[in-house]
Amino acid sequence: MSIIDISIATMEGTTTSLRGYAGEILLIVNVASRCGLAPQCAKLEALQRLYGDRGFTVLAFPSNQFLQELSTNKAIRDFCTSTYGVTFPVFDRIRVNGRHEHPLYKELKKVKDPEGKAGRVRWNFEKFLILPSGDVRRFRPQTEPDDPVIVALIEANLPGGKLDA
């Protein structure tokens, strides 16, 4: 099964998949509202606004795996929109590690990071960049969303290439 075919739940309680994003550049991130890395949401939103109309989408998956997420989808949605003006999709809370990990993360965690290590998500805000080719690149939480490597990969895979500044 392809990553885009895995069932995911929306915040509204419906089931969907990533099939609607097929052919796009996706940046999948496990987020947590109370995490010290939560300000990365502002940079994720900046990427969404810059590239969102050109085939790029940030997809956020709240997780309380590290005990730093709010307890309801409404609270998460309100926090994301009021604090960071988030317009990108935020899905239902999931588990990223362990016996009850979500199937999406079970697949994503097979991807090695730049140091050649796969496996467990280490913390909130781990990033998985899925390119239109289906290739996946993994970035650990400390890598900022606007890191030059991430931006270069996004721009190299946009239809029509890099934006003119």
N, C-alpha and C. Protein backbone atom coordinates (compact mmCIF):
# COMPACT_ATOMS: atom_id res chain seq x y z
N MET A 1 0.83 -1.18 0.00
CA MET A 1 0.00 0.00 0.00
C MET A 1 0.88 1.25 0.00
N SER A 2 0.50 2.22 -0.80
CA SER A 2 1.21 3.48 -0.88
C SER A 2 0.82 4.38 0.29
N ILE A 3 1.69 5.28 0.67
CA ILE A 3 1.41 6.23 1.74
C ILE A 3 0.12 7.00 1.47
N ILE A 4 -0.11 7.36 0.21
CA ILE A 4 -1.30 8.17 -0.09
C ILE A 4 -2.60 7.40 0.05
N ASP A 5 -2.53 6.07 0.16
CA ASP A 5 -3.73 5.26 0.30
C ASP A 5 -4.09 4.94 1.75
N ILE A 6 -3.24 5.27 2.69
CA ILE A 6 -3.48 4.96 4.10
C ILE A 6 -4.62 5.83 4.62
N SER A 7 -5.55 5.22 5.33
CA SER A 7 -6.68 5.94 5.90
C SER A 7 -6.23 6.85 7.04
N ILE A 8 -6.74 8.07 7.02
CA ILE A 8 -6.47 9.02 8.09
C ILE A 8 -7.79 9.67 8.49
N ALA A 9 -7.85 10.11 9.73
CA ALA A 9 -9.06 10.76 10.23
C ALA A 9 -8.86 12.26 10.26
N THR A 10 -9.90 12.98 9.85
CA THR A 10 -9.88 14.44 9.93
C THR A 10 -10.25 14.87 11.34
N MET A 11 -10.07 16.13 11.63
CA MET A 11 -10.49 16.66 12.93
C MET A 11 -12.00 16.60 13.10
N GLU A 12 -12.69 16.58 11.97
CA GLU A 12 -14.15 16.55 12.01
C GLU A 12 -14.70 15.14 12.19
N GLY A 13 -13.82 14.14 12.19
CA GLY A 13 -14.25 12.78 12.44
C GLY A 13 -14.53 11.95 11.21
N THR A 14 -14.24 12.47 10.03
CA THR A 14 -14.43 11.68 8.81
C THR A 14 -13.12 10.98 8.47
N THR A 15 -13.22 9.95 7.65
CA THR A 15 -12.04 9.21 7.22
C THR A 15 -11.71 9.61 5.79
N THR A 16 -10.44 9.79 5.53
CA THR A 16 -9.97 10.17 4.21
C THR A 16 -8.62 9.51 3.98
N SER A 17 -7.92 9.94 2.95
CA SER A 17 -6.55 9.50 2.69
C SER A 17 -5.80 10.68 2.10
N LEU A 18 -4.56 10.47 1.78
CA LEU A 18 -3.76 11.53 1.16
C LEU A 18 -3.89 11.50 -0.37
N ARG A 19 -4.77 10.65 -0.89
CA ARG A 19 -4.93 10.51 -2.34
C ARG A 19 -5.23 11.85 -3.01
N GLY A 20 -5.99 12.71 -2.34
CA GLY A 20 -6.30 14.02 -2.90
C GLY A 20 -5.08 14.90 -3.09
N TYR A 21 -3.97 14.52 -2.48
CA TYR A 21 -2.73 15.28 -2.59
C TYR A 21 -1.73 14.60 -3.53
N ALA A 22 -2.16 13.57 -4.22
CA ALA A 22 -1.26 12.83 -5.11
C ALA A 22 -0.61 13.79 -6.11
N GLY A 23 0.68 13.64 -6.29
CA GLY A 23 1.41 14.48 -7.23
C GLY A 23 1.90 15.79 -6.64
N GLU A 24 1.51 16.09 -5.41
CA GLU A 24 1.95 17.32 -4.76
C GLU A 24 3.18 17.05 -3.90
N ILE A 25 3.79 18.12 -3.45
CA ILE A 25 4.86 18.05 -2.47
C ILE A 25 4.18 18.19 -1.11
N LEU A 26 4.41 17.23 -0.23
CA LEU A 26 3.77 17.25 1.08
C LEU A 26 4.84 17.32 2.17
N LEU A 27 4.58 18.14 3.17
CA LEU A 27 5.43 18.18 4.34
C LEU A 27 4.58 17.73 5.52
N ILE A 28 4.79 16.48 5.95
CA ILE A 28 4.02 15.89 7.05
C ILE A 28 4.79 16.11 8.34
N VAL A 29 4.08 16.64 9.35
CA VAL A 29 4.72 17.01 10.61
C VAL A 29 3.85 16.56 11.78
N ASN A 30 4.45 15.91 12.77
CA ASN A 30 3.72 15.62 14.01
C ASN A 30 3.88 16.83 14.92
N VAL A 31 2.75 17.47 15.21
CA VAL A 31 2.77 18.72 15.97
C VAL A 31 2.26 18.52 17.39
N ALA A 32 2.59 19.47 18.27
CA ALA A 32 2.10 19.47 19.64
C ALA A 32 2.05 20.91 20.12
N SER A 33 0.89 21.33 20.54
CA SER A 33 0.64 22.73 20.90
C SER A 33 1.49 23.23 22.06
N ARG A 34 1.78 22.38 23.02
CA ARG A 34 2.50 22.81 24.22
C ARG A 34 4.00 22.53 24.15
N CYS A 35 4.48 22.16 23.00
CA CYS A 35 5.89 21.86 22.81
C CYS A 35 6.69 23.15 22.63
N GLY A 36 7.92 23.14 23.11
CA GLY A 36 8.80 24.29 22.91
C GLY A 36 9.11 24.54 21.44
N LEU A 37 8.87 23.54 20.58
CA LEU A 37 9.10 23.71 19.14
C LEU A 37 7.85 24.20 18.41
N ALA A 38 6.74 24.43 19.13
CA ALA A 38 5.50 24.87 18.50
C ALA A 38 5.65 26.13 17.66
N PRO A 39 6.57 27.06 18.00
CA PRO A 39 6.74 28.22 17.11
C PRO A 39 7.12 27.85 15.67
N GLN A 40 7.55 26.60 15.44
CA GLN A 40 7.80 26.16 14.07
C GLN A 40 6.53 26.24 13.23
N CYS A 41 5.36 26.25 13.88
CA CYS A 41 4.09 26.37 13.14
C CYS A 41 4.06 27.65 12.32
N ALA A 42 4.66 28.72 12.80
CA ALA A 42 4.70 29.97 12.04
C ALA A 42 5.50 29.78 10.75
N LYS A 43 6.60 29.05 10.81
CA LYS A 43 7.40 28.80 9.62
C LYS A 43 6.71 27.82 8.68
N LEU A 44 6.01 26.85 9.25
CA LEU A 44 5.22 25.94 8.41
C LEU A 44 4.15 26.72 7.66
N GLU A 45 3.49 27.63 8.35
CA GLU A 45 2.46 28.45 7.71
C GLU A 45 3.07 29.35 6.64
N ALA A 46 4.24 29.90 6.89
CA ALA A 46 4.91 30.74 5.89
C ALA A 46 5.20 29.93 4.62
N LEU A 47 5.66 28.68 4.78
CA LEU A 47 5.88 27.82 3.62
C LEU A 47 4.57 27.55 2.89
N GLN A 48 3.51 27.28 3.65
CA GLN A 48 2.20 27.01 3.06
C GLN A 48 1.74 28.21 2.23
N ARG A 49 1.89 29.40 2.78
CA ARG A 49 1.45 30.61 2.06
C ARG A 49 2.31 30.89 0.83
N LEU A 50 3.60 30.60 0.93
CA LEU A 50 4.51 30.87 -0.19
C LEU A 50 4.32 29.88 -1.34
N TYR A 51 4.16 28.60 -1.02
CA TYR A 51 4.13 27.57 -2.05
C TYR A 51 2.79 26.85 -2.21
N GLY A 52 1.82 27.16 -1.36
CA GLY A 52 0.56 26.42 -1.32
C GLY A 52 -0.23 26.41 -2.61
N ASP A 53 -0.13 27.46 -3.39
CA ASP A 53 -0.87 27.50 -4.65
C ASP A 53 -0.06 26.94 -5.81
N ARG A 54 1.09 26.33 -5.50
CA ARG A 54 1.96 25.79 -6.54
C ARG A 54 2.21 24.29 -6.39
N GLY A 55 1.34 23.60 -5.62
CA GLY A 55 1.50 22.15 -5.51
C GLY A 55 2.22 21.69 -4.27
N PHE A 56 2.18 22.47 -3.21
CA PHE A 56 2.82 22.13 -1.94
C PHE A 56 1.78 22.26 -0.83
N THR A 57 1.80 21.32 0.12
CA THR A 57 0.90 21.40 1.27
C THR A 57 1.58 20.86 2.52
N VAL A 58 1.43 21.61 3.60
CA VAL A 58 1.82 21.13 4.92
C VAL A 58 0.65 20.32 5.47
N LEU A 59 0.92 19.16 6.04
CA LEU A 59 -0.11 18.33 6.67
C LEU A 59 0.33 18.08 8.12
N ALA A 60 -0.46 18.57 9.06
CA ALA A 60 -0.11 18.46 10.47
C ALA A 60 -0.89 17.34 11.13
N PHE A 61 -0.19 16.54 11.91
CA PHE A 61 -0.78 15.43 12.65
C PHE A 61 -0.47 15.62 14.14
N PRO A 62 -1.42 16.20 14.88
CA PRO A 62 -1.19 16.37 16.32
C PRO A 62 -0.97 15.02 16.99
N SER A 63 -0.07 15.03 17.95
CA SER A 63 0.21 13.81 18.69
C SER A 63 0.50 14.17 20.15
N ASN A 64 -0.08 13.40 21.04
CA ASN A 64 0.22 13.56 22.46
C ASN A 64 1.23 12.51 22.91
N GLN A 65 1.96 11.96 21.96
CA GLN A 65 2.93 10.91 22.24
C GLN A 65 3.96 11.35 23.29
N PHE A 66 4.28 12.65 23.28
CA PHE A 66 5.28 13.17 24.20
C PHE A 66 4.63 14.05 25.28
N LEU A 67 3.31 13.87 25.46
CA LEU A 67 2.54 14.52 26.52
C LEU A 67 2.57 16.04 26.45
N GLN A 68 2.47 16.57 25.22
CA GLN A 68 2.51 18.02 25.04
C GLN A 68 1.41 18.53 24.13
N GLU A 69 0.38 17.75 23.89
CA GLU A 69 -0.71 18.18 23.02
C GLU A 69 -1.97 18.42 23.84
N LEU A 70 -2.79 19.32 23.37
CA LEU A 70 -4.06 19.63 24.01
C LEU A 70 -4.99 18.42 23.89
N SER A 71 -6.04 18.40 24.69
CA SER A 71 -6.85 17.18 24.83
C SER A 71 -7.98 17.04 23.82
N THR A 72 -8.36 18.09 23.11
CA THR A 72 -9.46 17.96 22.14
C THR A 72 -9.07 18.56 20.80
N ASN A 73 -9.71 18.08 19.75
CA ASN A 73 -9.45 18.62 18.43
C ASN A 73 -9.83 20.10 18.35
N LYS A 74 -10.93 20.48 19.01
CA LYS A 74 -11.34 21.88 19.00
C LYS A 74 -10.27 22.76 19.64
N ALA A 75 -9.73 22.33 20.77
CA ALA A 75 -8.68 23.11 21.43
C ALA A 75 -7.43 23.21 20.55
N ILE A 76 -7.08 22.12 19.89
CA ILE A 76 -5.92 22.13 18.98
C ILE A 76 -6.18 23.08 17.82
N ARG A 77 -7.33 22.96 17.18
CA ARG A 77 -7.67 23.82 16.05
C ARG A 77 -7.65 25.29 16.46
N ASP A 78 -8.28 25.61 17.60
CA ASP A 78 -8.32 26.99 18.08
C ASP A 78 -6.91 27.52 18.35
N PHE A 79 -6.07 26.69 18.97
CA PHE A 79 -4.70 27.10 19.25
C PHE A 79 -3.93 27.38 17.96
N CYS A 80 -4.02 26.45 17.02
CA CYS A 80 -3.27 26.60 15.76
C CYS A 80 -3.69 27.84 14.98
N THR A 81 -4.99 28.09 14.92
CA THR A 81 -5.46 29.24 14.14
C THR A 81 -5.26 30.57 14.86
N SER A 82 -5.52 30.59 16.17
CA SER A 82 -5.40 31.87 16.88
C SER A 82 -3.95 32.25 17.16
N THR A 83 -3.10 31.28 17.40
CA THR A 83 -1.70 31.58 17.74
C THR A 83 -0.82 31.74 16.51
N TYR A 84 -1.02 30.90 15.50
CA TYR A 84 -0.12 30.91 14.35
C TYR A 84 -0.82 31.17 13.01
N GLY A 85 -2.13 31.37 13.02
CA GLY A 85 -2.85 31.64 11.78
C GLY A 85 -2.80 30.50 10.79
N VAL A 86 -2.74 29.28 11.29
CA VAL A 86 -2.58 28.09 10.44
C VAL A 86 -3.75 27.94 9.48
N THR A 87 -3.42 27.78 8.20
CA THR A 87 -4.42 27.51 7.16
C THR A 87 -4.25 26.12 6.56
N PHE A 88 -3.13 25.46 6.83
CA PHE A 88 -2.90 24.13 6.28
C PHE A 88 -3.72 23.10 7.05
N PRO A 89 -3.97 21.92 6.47
CA PRO A 89 -4.78 20.90 7.13
C PRO A 89 -4.14 20.36 8.41
N VAL A 90 -4.96 20.28 9.45
CA VAL A 90 -4.56 19.67 10.71
C VAL A 90 -5.52 18.51 10.93
N PHE A 91 -4.98 17.31 11.07
CA PHE A 91 -5.79 16.10 11.16
C PHE A 91 -6.04 15.71 12.62
N ASP A 92 -6.73 14.60 12.81
CA ASP A 92 -7.04 14.07 14.13
C ASP A 92 -5.75 13.65 14.84
N ARG A 93 -5.77 13.67 16.15
CA ARG A 93 -4.61 13.25 16.95
C ARG A 93 -4.27 11.79 16.64
N ILE A 94 -2.97 11.51 16.61
CA ILE A 94 -2.50 10.15 16.33
C ILE A 94 -1.34 9.80 17.26
N ARG A 95 -0.97 8.53 17.22
CA ARG A 95 0.25 8.06 17.89
C ARG A 95 1.30 7.83 16.80
N VAL A 96 2.52 8.28 17.06
CA VAL A 96 3.58 8.17 16.07
C VAL A 96 4.57 7.05 16.37
N ASN A 97 4.51 6.50 17.57
CA ASN A 97 5.41 5.41 17.98
C ASN A 97 4.61 4.38 18.76
N GLY A 98 5.19 3.20 18.90
CA GLY A 98 4.64 2.20 19.80
C GLY A 98 3.62 1.27 19.18
N ARG A 99 3.03 0.48 20.05
CA ARG A 99 2.12 -0.58 19.63
C ARG A 99 0.90 -0.06 18.88
N HIS A 100 0.44 1.14 19.21
CA HIS A 100 -0.75 1.70 18.58
C HIS A 100 -0.41 2.83 17.61
N GLU A 101 0.81 2.81 17.08
CA GLU A 101 1.20 3.87 16.14
C GLU A 101 0.31 3.84 14.91
N HIS A 102 0.11 5.01 14.35
CA HIS A 102 -0.72 5.14 13.16
C HIS A 102 0.00 4.50 11.97
N PRO A 103 -0.74 3.82 11.08
CA PRO A 103 -0.11 3.19 9.91
C PRO A 103 0.69 4.16 9.04
N LEU A 104 0.27 5.42 8.97
CA LEU A 104 1.03 6.41 8.19
C LEU A 104 2.43 6.54 8.76
N TYR A 105 2.53 6.65 10.07
CA TYR A 105 3.85 6.80 10.69
C TYR A 105 4.64 5.50 10.69
N LYS A 106 3.95 4.39 10.70
CA LYS A 106 4.66 3.12 10.58
C LYS A 106 5.44 3.08 9.27
N GLU A 107 4.84 3.59 8.21
CA GLU A 107 5.51 3.65 6.90
C GLU A 107 6.56 4.75 6.86
N LEU A 108 6.21 5.94 7.34
CA LEU A 108 7.15 7.06 7.28
C LEU A 108 8.43 6.77 8.05
N LYS A 109 8.33 6.08 9.17
CA LYS A 109 9.49 5.84 10.02
C LYS A 109 10.51 4.87 9.40
N LYS A 110 10.16 4.26 8.29
CA LYS A 110 11.12 3.42 7.58
C LYS A 110 12.17 4.25 6.85
N VAL A 111 11.85 5.54 6.66
CA VAL A 111 12.74 6.45 5.94
C VAL A 111 13.89 6.88 6.86
N LYS A 112 15.09 6.91 6.30
CA LYS A 112 16.27 7.31 7.06
C LYS A 112 16.43 8.83 7.03
N ASP A 113 16.94 9.37 8.14
CA ASP A 113 17.24 10.79 8.21
C ASP A 113 18.60 11.04 7.53
N PRO A 114 19.06 12.30 7.46
CA PRO A 114 20.34 12.57 6.79
C PRO A 114 21.55 11.84 7.41
N GLU A 115 21.43 11.41 8.66
CA GLU A 115 22.52 10.65 9.29
C GLU A 115 22.40 9.15 9.05
N GLY A 116 21.38 8.75 8.26
CA GLY A 116 21.21 7.34 7.93
C GLY A 116 20.42 6.54 8.95
N LYS A 117 19.72 7.22 9.86
CA LYS A 117 18.97 6.52 10.90
C LYS A 117 17.47 6.58 10.64
N ALA A 118 16.84 5.41 10.67
CA ALA A 118 15.39 5.30 10.56
C ALA A 118 14.85 5.02 11.95
N GLY A 119 13.59 4.64 12.03
CA GLY A 119 13.03 4.22 13.31
C GLY A 119 12.20 5.29 13.99
N ARG A 120 12.12 5.18 15.30
CA ARG A 120 11.23 5.99 16.12
C ARG A 120 11.29 7.48 15.82
N VAL A 121 10.12 8.11 15.94
CA VAL A 121 10.06 9.56 15.93
C VAL A 121 10.61 10.00 17.28
N ARG A 122 11.59 10.87 17.26
CA ARG A 122 12.29 11.24 18.50
C ARG A 122 11.54 12.28 19.33
N TRP A 123 10.77 13.14 18.67
CA TRP A 123 10.11 14.23 19.38
C TRP A 123 9.07 14.86 18.47
N ASN A 124 8.37 15.83 18.98
CA ASN A 124 7.41 16.58 18.18
C ASN A 124 8.14 17.33 17.07
N PHE A 125 7.43 17.59 16.01
CA PHE A 125 7.90 18.37 14.87
C PHE A 125 8.97 17.66 14.04
N GLU A 126 8.90 16.33 14.00
CA GLU A 126 9.70 15.59 13.02
C GLU A 126 9.01 15.78 11.68
N LYS A 127 9.80 15.96 10.63
CA LYS A 127 9.25 16.32 9.33
C LYS A 127 9.56 15.26 8.28
N PHE A 128 8.56 14.99 7.45
CA PHE A 128 8.72 14.06 6.33
C PHE A 128 8.26 14.79 5.07
N LEU A 129 9.19 15.01 4.17
CA LEU A 129 8.88 15.70 2.91
C LEU A 129 8.66 14.64 1.83
N ILE A 130 7.44 14.60 1.32
CA ILE A 130 7.10 13.63 0.27
C ILE A 130 7.09 14.37 -1.06
N LEU A 131 7.94 13.92 -1.96
CA LEU A 131 8.06 14.56 -3.27
C LEU A 131 7.07 13.93 -4.26
N PRO A 132 6.75 14.63 -5.33
CA PRO A 132 5.80 14.08 -6.31
C PRO A 132 6.21 12.72 -6.87
N SER A 133 7.50 12.43 -6.87
CA SER A 133 8.00 11.14 -7.35
C SER A 133 7.68 10.00 -6.38
N GLY A 134 7.28 10.36 -5.16
CA GLY A 134 7.05 9.36 -4.11
C GLY A 134 8.22 9.23 -3.16
N ASP A 135 9.36 9.84 -3.50
CA ASP A 135 10.52 9.83 -2.60
C ASP A 135 10.17 10.59 -1.34
N VAL A 136 10.69 10.11 -0.20
CA VAL A 136 10.43 10.74 1.08
C VAL A 136 11.77 11.11 1.71
N ARG A 137 11.84 12.32 2.23
CA ARG A 137 13.03 12.80 2.96
C ARG A 137 12.61 13.08 4.40
N ARG A 138 13.45 12.70 5.32
CA ARG A 138 13.14 12.83 6.74
C ARG A 138 14.04 13.85 7.39
N PHE A 139 13.43 14.70 8.23
CA PHE A 139 14.17 15.73 8.94
C PHE A 139 13.77 15.68 10.41
N ARG A 140 14.74 15.62 11.29
CA ARG A 140 14.48 15.53 12.72
C ARG A 140 13.93 16.86 13.25
N PRO A 141 13.36 16.85 14.45
CA PRO A 141 12.64 18.01 14.98
C PRO A 141 13.43 19.32 15.01
N GLN A 142 14.72 19.26 15.27
CA GLN A 142 15.49 20.50 15.37
C GLN A 142 15.70 21.18 14.03
N THR A 143 15.47 20.47 12.94
CA THR A 143 15.57 21.08 11.61
C THR A 143 14.35 21.97 11.41
N GLU A 144 14.59 23.24 11.22
CA GLU A 144 13.50 24.20 11.05
C GLU A 144 12.81 23.98 9.70
N PRO A 145 11.53 24.27 9.62
CA PRO A 145 10.80 24.08 8.36
C PRO A 145 11.38 24.87 7.19
N ASP A 146 12.00 26.01 7.47
CA ASP A 146 12.57 26.83 6.39
C ASP A 146 14.06 26.59 6.20
N ASP A 147 14.55 25.45 6.68
CA ASP A 147 15.94 25.07 6.48
C ASP A 147 16.24 25.10 4.97
N PRO A 148 17.40 25.60 4.58
CA PRO A 148 17.72 25.69 3.16
C PRO A 148 17.60 24.37 2.39
N VAL A 149 17.88 23.24 3.03
CA VAL A 149 17.77 21.94 2.36
C VAL A 149 16.30 21.65 2.04
N ILE A 150 15.41 21.91 3.00
CA ILE A 150 13.99 21.67 2.78
C ILE A 150 13.46 22.60 1.69
N VAL A 151 13.80 23.87 1.79
CA VAL A 151 13.33 24.85 0.79
C VAL A 151 13.84 24.49 -0.60
N ALA A 152 15.10 24.09 -0.71
CA ALA A 152 15.66 23.71 -2.01
C ALA A 152 14.92 22.51 -2.60
N LEU A 153 14.60 21.53 -1.76
CA LEU A 153 13.86 20.36 -2.24
C LEU A 153 12.45 20.74 -2.70
N ILE A 154 11.80 21.60 -1.95
CA ILE A 154 10.47 22.07 -2.35
C ILE A 154 10.56 22.78 -3.69
N GLU A 155 11.48 23.75 -3.79
CA GLU A 155 11.57 24.55 -5.01
C GLU A 155 11.99 23.72 -6.22
N ALA A 156 12.84 22.74 -6.01
CA ALA A 156 13.30 21.91 -7.13
C ALA A 156 12.18 21.01 -7.65
N ASN A 157 11.16 20.78 -6.84
CA ASN A 157 10.09 19.86 -7.24
C ASN A 157 8.77 20.56 -7.53
N LEU A 158 8.75 21.89 -7.45
CA LEU A 158 7.54 22.63 -7.82
C LEU A 158 7.34 22.60 -9.32
N PRO A 159 6.09 22.54 -9.77
CA PRO A 159 5.87 22.69 -11.21
C PRO A 159 6.39 24.07 -11.64
N GLY A 160 7.27 24.10 -12.60
CA GLY A 160 7.84 25.36 -13.06
C GLY A 160 9.07 25.79 -12.29
N GLY A 161 9.45 25.03 -11.25
CA GLY A 161 10.69 25.31 -10.53
C GLY A 161 10.61 26.42 -9.51
N LYS A 162 11.75 27.01 -9.22
CA LYS A 162 11.93 28.00 -8.16
C LYS A 162 11.13 29.27 -8.41
N LEU A 163 10.64 29.86 -7.31
CA LEU A 163 9.97 31.16 -7.38
C LEU A 163 10.98 32.25 -7.68
N ASP A 164 10.57 33.26 -8.42
CA ASP A 164 11.42 34.43 -8.60
C ASP A 164 11.19 35.35 -7.42
N ALA A 165 12.29 35.79 -6.82
CA ALA A 165 12.17 36.66 -5.64
C ALA A 165 11.99 38.10 -6.04
